[in-house]
């Protein structure tokens, strides 16, 4: 992509903001799923909650990539 060029220091372009937004959505999705598991009390991750958040984030990212058009 021609527009996928990095931005100069101390500036953010549209591509940067899109990447930041996607990362935020992924992190929030993982945190939400962890909260949901805690609220429902069906699954208790205990000391592994941070790992569960990371795994949930990866799964959400996988799902997002799977449904997107990634043909370039």
PDB file of N, CA and C in Angstrom:
ATOM      1  N   UNK A   1       0.828  -1.185   0.000  1.00  0.00           N
ATOM      2  CA  UNK A   1       0.000   0.000   0.000  1.00  0.00           C
ATOM      3  C   UNK A   1       0.870   1.245   0.000  1.00  0.00           C
ATOM      4  N   UNK A   2       0.565   2.185  -0.830  1.00  0.00           N
ATOM      5  CA  UNK A   2       1.341   3.416  -0.889  1.00  0.00           C
ATOM      6  C   UNK A   2       1.084   4.286   0.329  1.00  0.00           C
ATOM      7  N   UNK A   3      -0.113   4.226   0.903  1.00  0.00           N
ATOM      8  CA  UNK A   3      -0.460   5.055   2.048  1.00  0.00           C
ATOM      9  C   UNK A   3       0.021   4.451   3.365  1.00  0.00           C
ATOM     10  N   UNK A   4       0.610   3.273   3.328  1.00  0.00           N
ATOM     11  CA  UNK A   4       1.037   2.581   4.535  1.00  0.00           C
ATOM     12  C   UNK A   4       2.471   2.962   4.920  1.00  0.00           C
ATOM     13  N   UNK A   5       2.870   4.170   4.567  1.00  0.00           N
ATOM     14  CA  UNK A   5       4.209   4.664   4.866  1.00  0.00           C
ATOM     15  C   UNK A   5       4.203   5.209   6.282  1.00  0.00           C
ATOM     16  N   UNK A   6       5.311   4.999   6.981  1.00  0.00           N
ATOM     17  CA  UNK A   6       5.419   5.491   8.346  1.00  0.00           C
ATOM     18  C   UNK A   6       5.388   7.004   8.405  1.00  0.00           C
ATOM     19  N   UNK A   7       4.989   7.528   9.533  1.00  0.00           N
ATOM     20  CA  UNK A   7       4.929   8.971   9.705  1.00  0.00           C
ATOM     21  C   UNK A   7       6.230   9.483  10.317  1.00  0.00           C
ATOM     22  N   UNK A   8       6.521  10.771  10.128  1.00  0.00           N
ATOM     23  CA  UNK A   8       7.733  11.338  10.711  1.00  0.00           C
ATOM     24  C   UNK A   8       7.638  11.381  12.238  1.00  0.00           C
ATOM     25  N   UNK A   9       8.769  11.540  12.909  1.00  0.00           N
ATOM     26  CA  UNK A   9       8.748  11.611  14.376  1.00  0.00           C
ATOM     27  C   UNK A   9       7.817  12.724  14.880  1.00  0.00           C
ATOM     28  N   UNK A  10       7.147  12.448  15.978  1.00  0.00           N
ATOM     29  CA  UNK A  10       6.239  13.372  16.664  1.00  0.00           C
ATOM     30  C   UNK A  10       5.000  13.734  15.844  1.00  0.00           C
ATOM     31  N   UNK A  11       4.677  12.906  14.864  1.00  0.00           N
ATOM     32  CA  UNK A  11       3.463  13.092  14.068  1.00  0.00           C
ATOM     33  C   UNK A  11       2.810  11.735  13.837  1.00  0.00           C
ATOM     34  N   UNK A  12       1.504  11.742  13.710  1.00  0.00           N
ATOM     35  CA  UNK A  12       0.768  10.508  13.425  1.00  0.00           C
ATOM     36  C   UNK A  12      -0.089  10.721  12.189  1.00  0.00           C
ATOM     37  N   UNK A  13      -0.021   9.781  11.254  1.00  0.00           N
ATOM     38  CA  UNK A  13      -0.863   9.873  10.063  1.00  0.00           C
ATOM     39  C   UNK A  13      -2.092   8.983  10.237  1.00  0.00           C
ATOM     40  N   UNK A  14      -2.918   8.930   9.217  1.00  0.00           N
ATOM     41  CA  UNK A  14      -4.160   8.161   9.283  1.00  0.00           C
ATOM     42  C   UNK A  14      -3.898   6.680   9.533  1.00  0.00           C
ATOM     43  N   UNK A  15      -2.872   6.137   8.897  1.00  0.00           N
ATOM     44  CA  UNK A  15      -2.537   4.723   9.090  1.00  0.00           C
ATOM     45  C   UNK A  15      -2.164   4.449  10.538  1.00  0.00           C
ATOM     46  N   UNK A  16      -1.397   5.355  11.136  1.00  0.00           N
ATOM     47  CA  UNK A  16      -1.018   5.199  12.542  1.00  0.00           C
ATOM     48  C   UNK A  16      -2.245   5.172  13.440  1.00  0.00           C
ATOM     49  N   UNK A  17      -3.168   6.097  13.214  1.00  0.00           N
ATOM     50  CA  UNK A  17      -4.377   6.160  14.041  1.00  0.00           C
ATOM     51  C   UNK A  17      -5.240   4.918  13.874  1.00  0.00           C
ATOM     52  N   UNK A  18      -5.297   4.378  12.661  1.00  0.00           N
ATOM     53  CA  UNK A  18      -6.054   3.146  12.444  1.00  0.00           C
ATOM     54  C   UNK A  18      -5.433   1.985  13.214  1.00  0.00           C
ATOM     55  N   UNK A  19      -4.100   1.887  13.199  1.00  0.00           N
ATOM     56  CA  UNK A  19      -3.420   0.825  13.933  1.00  0.00           C
ATOM     57  C   UNK A  19      -3.615   0.982  15.435  1.00  0.00           C
ATOM     58  N   UNK A  20      -3.554   2.208  15.922  1.00  0.00           N
ATOM     59  CA  UNK A  20      -3.785   2.468  17.347  1.00  0.00           C
ATOM     60  C   UNK A  20      -5.212   2.066  17.719  1.00  0.00           C
ATOM     61  N   UNK A  21      -6.165   2.446  16.878  1.00  0.00           N
ATOM     62  CA  UNK A  21      -7.566   2.104  17.134  1.00  0.00           C
ATOM     63  C   UNK A  21      -7.801   0.607  17.148  1.00  0.00           C
ATOM     64  N   UNK A  22      -7.220  -0.110  16.190  1.00  0.00           N
ATOM     65  CA  UNK A  22      -7.385  -1.566  16.149  1.00  0.00           C
ATOM     66  C   UNK A  22      -6.777  -2.213  17.385  1.00  0.00           C
ATOM     67  N   UNK A  23      -5.600  -1.755  17.784  1.00  0.00           N
ATOM     68  CA  UNK A  23      -4.969  -2.300  18.985  1.00  0.00           C
ATOM     69  C   UNK A  23      -5.810  -2.056  20.227  1.00  0.00           C
ATOM     70  N   UNK A  24      -6.413  -0.861  20.303  1.00  0.00           N
ATOM     71  CA  UNK A  24      -7.265  -0.542  21.443  1.00  0.00           C
ATOM     72  C   UNK A  24      -8.503  -1.430  21.478  1.00  0.00           C
ATOM     73  N   UNK A  25      -9.097  -1.665  20.308  1.00  0.00           N
ATOM     74  CA  UNK A  25     -10.283  -2.529  20.242  1.00  0.00           C
ATOM     75  C   UNK A  25      -9.932  -3.954  20.655  1.00  0.00           C
ATOM     76  N   UNK A  26      -8.791  -4.436  20.226  1.00  0.00           N
ATOM     77  CA  UNK A  26      -8.356  -5.786  20.589  1.00  0.00           C
ATOM     78  C   UNK A  26      -8.141  -5.891  22.098  1.00  0.00           C
ATOM     79  N   UNK A  27      -7.443  -4.915  22.662  1.00  0.00           N
ATOM     80  CA  UNK A  27      -7.194  -4.930  24.107  1.00  0.00           C
ATOM     81  C   UNK A  27      -8.493  -4.832  24.898  1.00  0.00           C
ATOM     82  N   UNK A  28      -9.378  -3.943  24.472  1.00  0.00           N
ATOM     83  CA  UNK A  28     -10.660  -3.805  25.165  1.00  0.00           C
ATOM     84  C   UNK A  28     -11.512  -5.065  25.035  1.00  0.00           C
ATOM     85  N   UNK A  29     -11.449  -5.716  23.883  1.00  0.00           N
ATOM     86  CA  UNK A  29     -12.196  -6.962  23.698  1.00  0.00           C
ATOM     87  C   UNK A  29     -11.713  -8.048  24.642  1.00  0.00           C
ATOM     88  N   UNK A  30     -10.404  -8.186  24.766  1.00  0.00           N
ATOM     89  CA  UNK A  30      -9.851  -9.168  25.692  1.00  0.00           C
ATOM     90  C   UNK A  30     -10.204  -8.855  27.133  1.00  0.00           C
ATOM     91  N   UNK A  31     -10.118  -7.574  27.484  1.00  0.00           N
ATOM     92  CA  UNK A  31     -10.475  -7.167  28.847  1.00  0.00           C
ATOM     93  C   UNK A  31     -11.960  -7.403  29.111  1.00  0.00           C
ATOM     94  N   UNK A  32     -12.792  -7.128  28.113  1.00  0.00           N
ATOM     95  CA  UNK A  32     -14.227  -7.354  28.274  1.00  0.00           C
ATOM     96  C   UNK A  32     -14.544  -8.827  28.475  1.00  0.00           C
ATOM     97  N   UNK A  33     -13.904  -9.681  27.699  1.00  0.00           N
ATOM     98  CA  UNK A  33     -14.144 -11.118  27.857  1.00  0.00           C
ATOM     99  C   UNK A  33     -13.690 -11.604  29.234  1.00  0.00           C
ATOM    100  N   UNK A  34     -12.582 -11.072  29.717  1.00  0.00           N
ATOM    101  CA  UNK A  34     -12.128 -11.432  31.062  1.00  0.00           C
ATOM    102  C   UNK A  34     -13.124 -10.945  32.105  1.00  0.00           C
ATOM    103  N   UNK A  35     -13.609  -9.713  31.953  1.00  0.00           N
ATOM    104  CA  UNK A  35     -14.608  -9.177  32.872  1.00  0.00           C
ATOM    105  C   UNK A  35     -15.875 -10.023  32.833  1.00  0.00           C
ATOM    106  N   UNK A  36     -16.282 -10.396  31.631  1.00  0.00           N
ATOM    107  CA  UNK A  36     -17.477 -11.208  31.488  1.00  0.00           C
ATOM    108  C   UNK A  36     -17.325 -12.547  32.215  1.00  0.00           C
ATOM    109  N   UNK A  37     -16.160 -13.154  32.088  1.00  0.00           N
ATOM    110  CA  UNK A  37     -15.921 -14.423  32.774  1.00  0.00           C
ATOM    111  C   UNK A  37     -15.960 -14.231  34.290  1.00  0.00           C
ATOM    112  N   UNK A  38     -15.426 -13.108  34.767  1.00  0.00           N
ATOM    113  CA  UNK A  38     -15.463 -12.836  36.204  1.00  0.00           C
ATOM    114  C   UNK A  38     -16.886 -12.534  36.672  1.00  0.00           C
ATOM    115  N   UNK A  39     -17.618 -11.787  35.870  1.00  0.00           N
ATOM    116  CA  UNK A  39     -18.980 -11.412  36.251  1.00  0.00           C
ATOM    117  C   UNK A  39     -19.893 -12.630  36.291  1.00  0.00           C
ATOM    118  N   UNK A  40     -19.700 -13.545  35.371  1.00  0.00           N
ATOM    119  CA  UNK A  40     -20.543 -14.727  35.312  1.00  0.00           C
ATOM    120  C   UNK A  40     -20.103 -15.754  36.350  1.00  0.00           C
ATOM    121  N   UNK A  41     -18.847 -15.727  36.722  1.00  0.00           N
ATOM    122  CA  UNK A  41     -18.258 -16.642  37.718  1.00  0.00           C
ATOM    123  C   UNK A  41     -18.286 -18.101  37.272  1.00  0.00           C
ATOM    124  N   UNK A  42     -18.373 -18.319  35.973  1.00  0.00           N
ATOM    125  CA  UNK A  42     -18.328 -19.690  35.475  1.00  0.00           C
ATOM    126  C   UNK A  42     -16.884 -20.160  35.392  1.00  0.00           C
ATOM    127  N   UNK A  43     -16.019 -19.262  34.933  1.00  0.00           N
ATOM    128  CA  UNK A  43     -14.610 -19.597  34.771  1.00  0.00           C
ATOM    129  C   UNK A  43     -13.800 -18.708  35.695  1.00  0.00           C
ATOM    130  N   UNK A  44     -12.896 -19.303  36.457  1.00  0.00           N
ATOM    131  CA  UNK A  44     -12.016 -18.533  37.332  1.00  0.00           C
ATOM    132  C   UNK A  44     -10.586 -18.731  36.860  1.00  0.00           C
ATOM    133  N   UNK A  45      -9.963 -17.654  36.381  1.00  0.00           N
ATOM    134  CA  UNK A  45      -8.598 -17.732  35.881  1.00  0.00           C
ATOM    135  C   UNK A  45      -7.570 -17.580  36.987  1.00  0.00           C
ATOM    136  N   UNK A  46      -7.989 -17.060  38.130  1.00  0.00           N
ATOM    137  CA  UNK A  46      -7.076 -16.905  39.259  1.00  0.00           C
ATOM    138  C   UNK A  46      -5.851 -16.085  38.898  1.00  0.00           C
ATOM    139  N   UNK A  47      -4.682 -16.632  39.212  1.00  0.00           N
ATOM    140  CA  UNK A  47      -3.436 -15.912  38.966  1.00  0.00           C
ATOM    141  C   UNK A  47      -3.103 -15.820  37.484  1.00  0.00           C
ATOM    142  N   UNK A  48      -3.804 -16.571  36.646  1.00  0.00           N
ATOM    143  CA  UNK A  48      -3.533 -16.567  35.209  1.00  0.00           C
ATOM    144  C   UNK A  48      -4.399 -15.566  34.446  1.00  0.00           C
ATOM    145  N   UNK A  49      -5.075 -14.674  35.135  1.00  0.00           N
ATOM    146  CA  UNK A  49      -5.920 -13.684  34.476  1.00  0.00           C
ATOM    147  C   UNK A  49      -5.152 -12.849  33.449  1.00  0.00           C
ATOM    148  N   UNK A  50      -3.944 -12.348  33.759  1.00  0.00           N
ATOM    149  CA  UNK A  50      -3.214 -11.590  32.727  1.00  0.00           C
ATOM    150  C   UNK A  50      -2.931 -12.419  31.475  1.00  0.00           C
ATOM    151  N   UNK A  51      -2.626 -13.694  31.662  1.00  0.00           N
ATOM    152  CA  UNK A  51      -2.379 -14.569  30.514  1.00  0.00           C
ATOM    153  C   UNK A  51      -3.677 -14.758  29.728  1.00  0.00           C
ATOM    154  N   UNK A  52      -4.781 -14.918  30.431  1.00  0.00           N
ATOM    155  CA  UNK A  52      -6.077 -15.091  29.776  1.00  0.00           C
ATOM    156  C   UNK A  52      -6.429 -13.858  28.948  1.00  0.00           C
ATOM    157  N   UNK A  53      -6.148 -12.676  29.486  1.00  0.00           N
ATOM    158  CA  UNK A  53      -6.413 -11.439  28.745  1.00  0.00           C
ATOM    159  C   UNK A  53      -5.604 -11.425  27.450  1.00  0.00           C
ATOM    160  N   UNK A  54      -4.335 -11.814  27.541  1.00  0.00           N
ATOM    161  CA  UNK A  54      -3.477 -11.849  26.353  1.00  0.00           C
ATOM    162  C   UNK A  54      -4.011 -12.861  25.335  1.00  0.00           C
ATOM    163  N   UNK A  55      -4.403 -14.031  25.803  1.00  0.00           N
ATOM    164  CA  UNK A  55      -4.924 -15.062  24.901  1.00  0.00           C
ATOM    165  C   UNK A  55      -6.222 -14.587  24.249  1.00  0.00           C
ATOM    166  N   UNK A  56      -7.104 -13.989  25.037  1.00  0.00           N
ATOM    167  CA  UNK A  56      -8.355 -13.468  24.478  1.00  0.00           C
ATOM    168  C   UNK A  56      -8.064 -12.402  23.425  1.00  0.00           C
ATOM    169  N   UNK A  57      -7.084 -11.553  23.682  1.00  0.00           N
ATOM    170  CA  UNK A  57      -6.721 -10.512  22.717  1.00  0.00           C
ATOM    171  C   UNK A  57      -6.241 -11.120  21.409  1.00  0.00           C
ATOM    172  N   UNK A  58      -5.422 -12.153  21.507  1.00  0.00           N
ATOM    173  CA  UNK A  58      -4.930 -12.821  20.301  1.00  0.00           C
ATOM    174  C   UNK A  58      -6.091 -13.465  19.546  1.00  0.00           C
ATOM    175  N   UNK A  59      -7.006 -14.085  20.265  1.00  0.00           N
ATOM    176  CA  UNK A  59      -8.158 -14.715  19.613  1.00  0.00           C
ATOM    177  C   UNK A  59      -9.057 -13.692  18.925  1.00  0.00           C
ATOM    178  N   UNK A  60      -9.236 -12.552  19.554  1.00  0.00           N
ATOM    179  CA  UNK A  60     -10.032 -11.495  18.935  1.00  0.00           C
ATOM    180  C   UNK A  60      -9.332 -10.983  17.679  1.00  0.00           C
ATOM    181  N   UNK A  61      -8.012 -10.800  17.756  1.00  0.00           N
ATOM    182  CA  UNK A  61      -7.248 -10.360  16.590  1.00  0.00           C
ATOM    183  C   UNK A  61      -7.343 -11.393  15.472  1.00  0.00           C
ATOM    184  N   UNK A  62      -7.255 -12.665  15.814  1.00  0.00           N
ATOM    185  CA  UNK A  62      -7.403 -13.737  14.827  1.00  0.00           C
ATOM    186  C   UNK A  62      -8.761 -13.653  14.138  1.00  0.00           C
ATOM    187  N   UNK A  63      -9.801 -13.520  14.933  1.00  0.00           N
ATOM    188  CA  UNK A  63     -11.148 -13.418  14.376  1.00  0.00           C
ATOM    189  C   UNK A  63     -11.306 -12.195  13.491  1.00  0.00           C
ATOM    190  N   UNK A  64     -10.738 -11.077  13.906  1.00  0.00           N
ATOM    191  CA  UNK A  64     -10.811  -9.845  13.126  1.00  0.00           C
ATOM    192  C   UNK A  64     -10.114 -10.023  11.780  1.00  0.00           C
ATOM    193  N   UNK A  65      -8.923 -10.608  11.794  1.00  0.00           N
ATOM    194  CA  UNK A  65      -8.185 -10.843  10.555  1.00  0.00           C
ATOM    195  C   UNK A  65      -8.920 -11.835   9.657  1.00  0.00           C
ATOM    196  N   UNK A  66      -9.565 -12.811  10.257  1.00  0.00           N
ATOM    197  CA  UNK A  66     -10.257 -13.848   9.508  1.00  0.00           C
ATOM    198  C   UNK A  66     -11.434 -13.289   8.725  1.00  0.00           C
ATOM    199  N   UNK A  67     -12.156 -12.326   9.320  1.00  0.00           N
ATOM    200  CA  UNK A  67     -13.334 -11.782   8.644  1.00  0.00           C
ATOM    201  C   UNK A  67     -12.998 -10.626   7.714  1.00  0.00           C
ATOM    202  N   UNK A  68     -11.795 -10.071   7.819  1.00  0.00           N
ATOM    203  CA  UNK A  68     -11.399  -8.955   6.964  1.00  0.00           C
ATOM    204  C   UNK A  68     -10.921  -9.430   5.598  1.00  0.00           C
ATOM    205  N   UNK A  69     -10.889  -8.502   4.671  1.00  0.00           N
ATOM    206  CA  UNK A  69     -10.299  -8.747   3.360  1.00  0.00           C
ATOM    207  C   UNK A  69      -8.821  -8.406   3.464  1.00  0.00           C
ATOM    208  N   UNK A  70      -7.958  -9.394   3.487  1.00  0.00           N
ATOM    209  CA  UNK A  70      -6.514  -9.187   3.663  1.00  0.00           C
ATOM    210  C   UNK A  70      -5.739  -9.425   2.373  1.00  0.00           C
ATOM    211  N   UNK A  71      -6.352  -9.164   1.257  1.00  0.00           N
ATOM    212  CA  UNK A  71      -5.701  -9.439  -0.020  1.00  0.00           C
ATOM    213  C   UNK A  71      -4.775  -8.315  -0.466  1.00  0.00           C
ATOM    214  N   UNK A  72      -4.596  -7.317   0.359  1.00  0.00           N
ATOM    215  CA  UNK A  72      -3.653  -6.259   0.022  1.00  0.00           C
ATOM    216  C   UNK A  72      -4.314  -5.113  -0.531  1.00  0.00           C
TER     217      UNK A  72
END
